Amino acid sequence: MSSNGGYRLLWMQVMFDLPVRKKAQRKRATDFRNRLLDEGFTMSQFSVYLRHIKDREQAETYIKKIESFIPEEGIVHILVFTDKQYEQIKTFRGRVKSKQSSPDQLMLF
């Protein structure tokens, strides 16, 4: 709980660039994406996945999980940022600017 008495929602973003030239590499990249989906991430872009997390402790848990299934080749970046920072992301679909929106309500256990 934050000092203001409320929960501070965090976001975790996983970005990756995995080799896909060989059939085995494509399979490993697909398996990695599927594991992220299994862990509750949603695809933001083809190699960018997001999910809400409740605190830094949960972030560390997910980082360890993801680390356990990262393919041997490629690059994976994991970022953790606040809901307020997430709201500052500027997104464009073509030349049309889209508003970032947080979930209406998130139940934390």
Protein backbone atom coordinates (compact mmCIF):
# COMPACT_ATOMS: atom_id res chain seq x y z
CA MET A 1 0.00 0.00 0.00
CA SER A 2 1.32 3.46 -0.78
CA SER A 3 1.71 6.17 1.81
CA ASN A 4 -1.54 7.84 0.68
CA GLY A 5 -3.53 4.77 1.81
CA GLY A 6 -4.35 3.52 -1.69
CA TYR A 7 -2.89 1.01 -4.04
CA ARG A 8 -0.61 2.23 -6.79
CA LEU A 9 -1.21 0.24 -9.94
CA LEU A 10 1.88 -0.69 -11.88
CA TRP A 11 2.37 -1.91 -15.41
CA MET A 12 4.89 -4.39 -16.72
CA GLN A 13 5.94 -4.23 -20.35
CA VAL A 14 7.95 -6.96 -22.06
CA MET A 15 9.60 -6.02 -25.36
CA PHE A 16 11.63 -8.49 -27.34
CA ASP A 17 13.48 -9.10 -30.56
CA LEU A 18 13.90 -12.82 -31.13
CA PRO A 19 15.43 -14.47 -34.18
CA VAL A 20 12.91 -16.14 -36.51
CA ARG A 21 14.93 -17.13 -39.58
CA LYS A 22 14.94 -20.86 -38.85
CA LYS A 23 11.92 -23.03 -38.10
CA ALA A 24 13.22 -23.85 -34.59
CA GLN A 25 13.76 -20.14 -33.86
CA ARG A 26 10.20 -19.31 -34.98
CA LYS A 27 8.88 -22.03 -32.68
CA ARG A 28 10.86 -20.66 -29.71
CA ALA A 29 9.59 -17.12 -30.43
CA THR A 30 5.99 -18.36 -30.67
CA ASP A 31 6.39 -20.38 -27.46
CA PHE A 32 7.74 -17.28 -25.70
CA ARG A 33 4.78 -15.15 -26.84
CA ASN A 34 2.34 -17.88 -25.78
CA ARG A 35 3.94 -18.11 -22.33
CA LEU A 36 3.52 -14.35 -21.91
CA LEU A 37 -0.16 -14.72 -22.80
CA ASP A 38 -0.45 -17.60 -20.30
CA GLU A 39 0.99 -15.26 -17.63
CA GLY A 40 -1.78 -12.72 -18.26
CA PHE A 41 0.01 -10.35 -20.64
CA THR A 42 -1.81 -8.83 -23.60
CA MET A 43 -0.24 -7.96 -26.90
CA SER A 44 0.27 -4.23 -27.44
CA GLN A 45 2.34 -4.74 -30.60
CA PHE A 46 3.73 -7.94 -32.10
CA SER A 47 6.80 -7.97 -29.83
CA VAL A 48 5.45 -5.80 -27.01
CA TYR A 49 3.26 -7.23 -24.25
CA LEU A 50 1.67 -5.53 -21.21
CA ARG A 51 -0.05 -6.45 -17.99
CA HIS A 52 -1.08 -4.78 -14.74
CA ILE A 53 0.70 -5.71 -11.56
CA LYS A 54 -0.09 -4.70 -8.02
CA ASP A 55 3.36 -3.89 -6.63
CA ARG A 56 7.13 -4.21 -7.02
CA GLU A 57 7.12 -7.57 -5.25
CA GLN A 58 4.76 -9.01 -7.85
CA ALA A 59 6.96 -7.43 -10.55
CA GLU A 60 9.97 -9.36 -9.25
CA THR A 61 7.92 -12.57 -9.26
CA TYR A 62 6.96 -12.07 -12.90
CA ILE A 63 10.49 -11.09 -13.88
CA LYS A 64 11.79 -14.38 -12.44
CA LYS A 65 9.06 -16.35 -14.25
CA ILE A 66 9.80 -14.65 -17.57
CA GLU A 67 13.54 -15.12 -17.08
CA SER A 68 12.95 -18.86 -16.74
CA PHE A 69 11.49 -19.15 -20.26
CA ILE A 70 13.50 -16.57 -22.23
CA PRO A 71 14.93 -18.21 -25.36
CA GLU A 72 18.70 -18.61 -25.57
CA GLU A 73 18.92 -16.18 -28.50
CA GLY A 74 17.55 -12.67 -28.88
CA ILE A 75 16.95 -9.64 -26.70
CA VAL A 76 14.25 -9.19 -24.05
CA HIS A 77 13.59 -5.94 -22.16
CA ILE A 78 11.27 -5.79 -19.15
CA LEU A 79 10.05 -2.41 -17.94
CA VAL A 80 7.96 -1.63 -14.85
CA PHE A 81 6.22 1.72 -14.58
CA THR A 82 3.36 3.41 -12.73
CA ASP A 83 -0.18 3.85 -13.96
CA LYS A 84 0.45 7.61 -14.10
CA GLN A 85 3.46 7.04 -16.38
CA TYR A 86 1.38 4.67 -18.52
CA GLU A 87 -1.25 7.38 -19.00
CA GLN A 88 1.46 9.64 -20.47
CA ILE A 89 2.16 7.26 -23.38
CA LYS A 90 1.25 8.83 -26.72
CA THR A 91 -0.24 6.29 -29.11
CA PHE A 92 -1.02 6.87 -32.76
CA ARG A 93 -2.99 4.62 -35.06
CA GLY A 94 -1.85 5.96 -38.39
CA ARG A 95 -1.95 9.73 -37.85
CA VAL A 96 -4.83 9.52 -35.40
CA LYS A 97 -3.88 9.93 -31.76
CA SER A 98 -5.47 7.42 -29.37
CA LYS A 99 -5.98 8.04 -25.68
CA GLN A 100 -4.33 5.62 -23.25
CA SER A 101 -6.87 4.22 -20.87
CA SER A 102 -6.46 2.36 -17.65
CA PRO A 103 -8.84 -0.41 -16.72
CA ASP A 104 -12.07 0.92 -15.21
CA GLN A 105 -11.55 -1.11 -12.06
CA LEU A 106 -9.00 -3.65 -10.99
CA MET A 107 -9.62 -5.95 -8.08
CA LEU A 108 -6.46 -6.58 -6.11
CA PHE A 109 -6.18 -9.59 -3.86
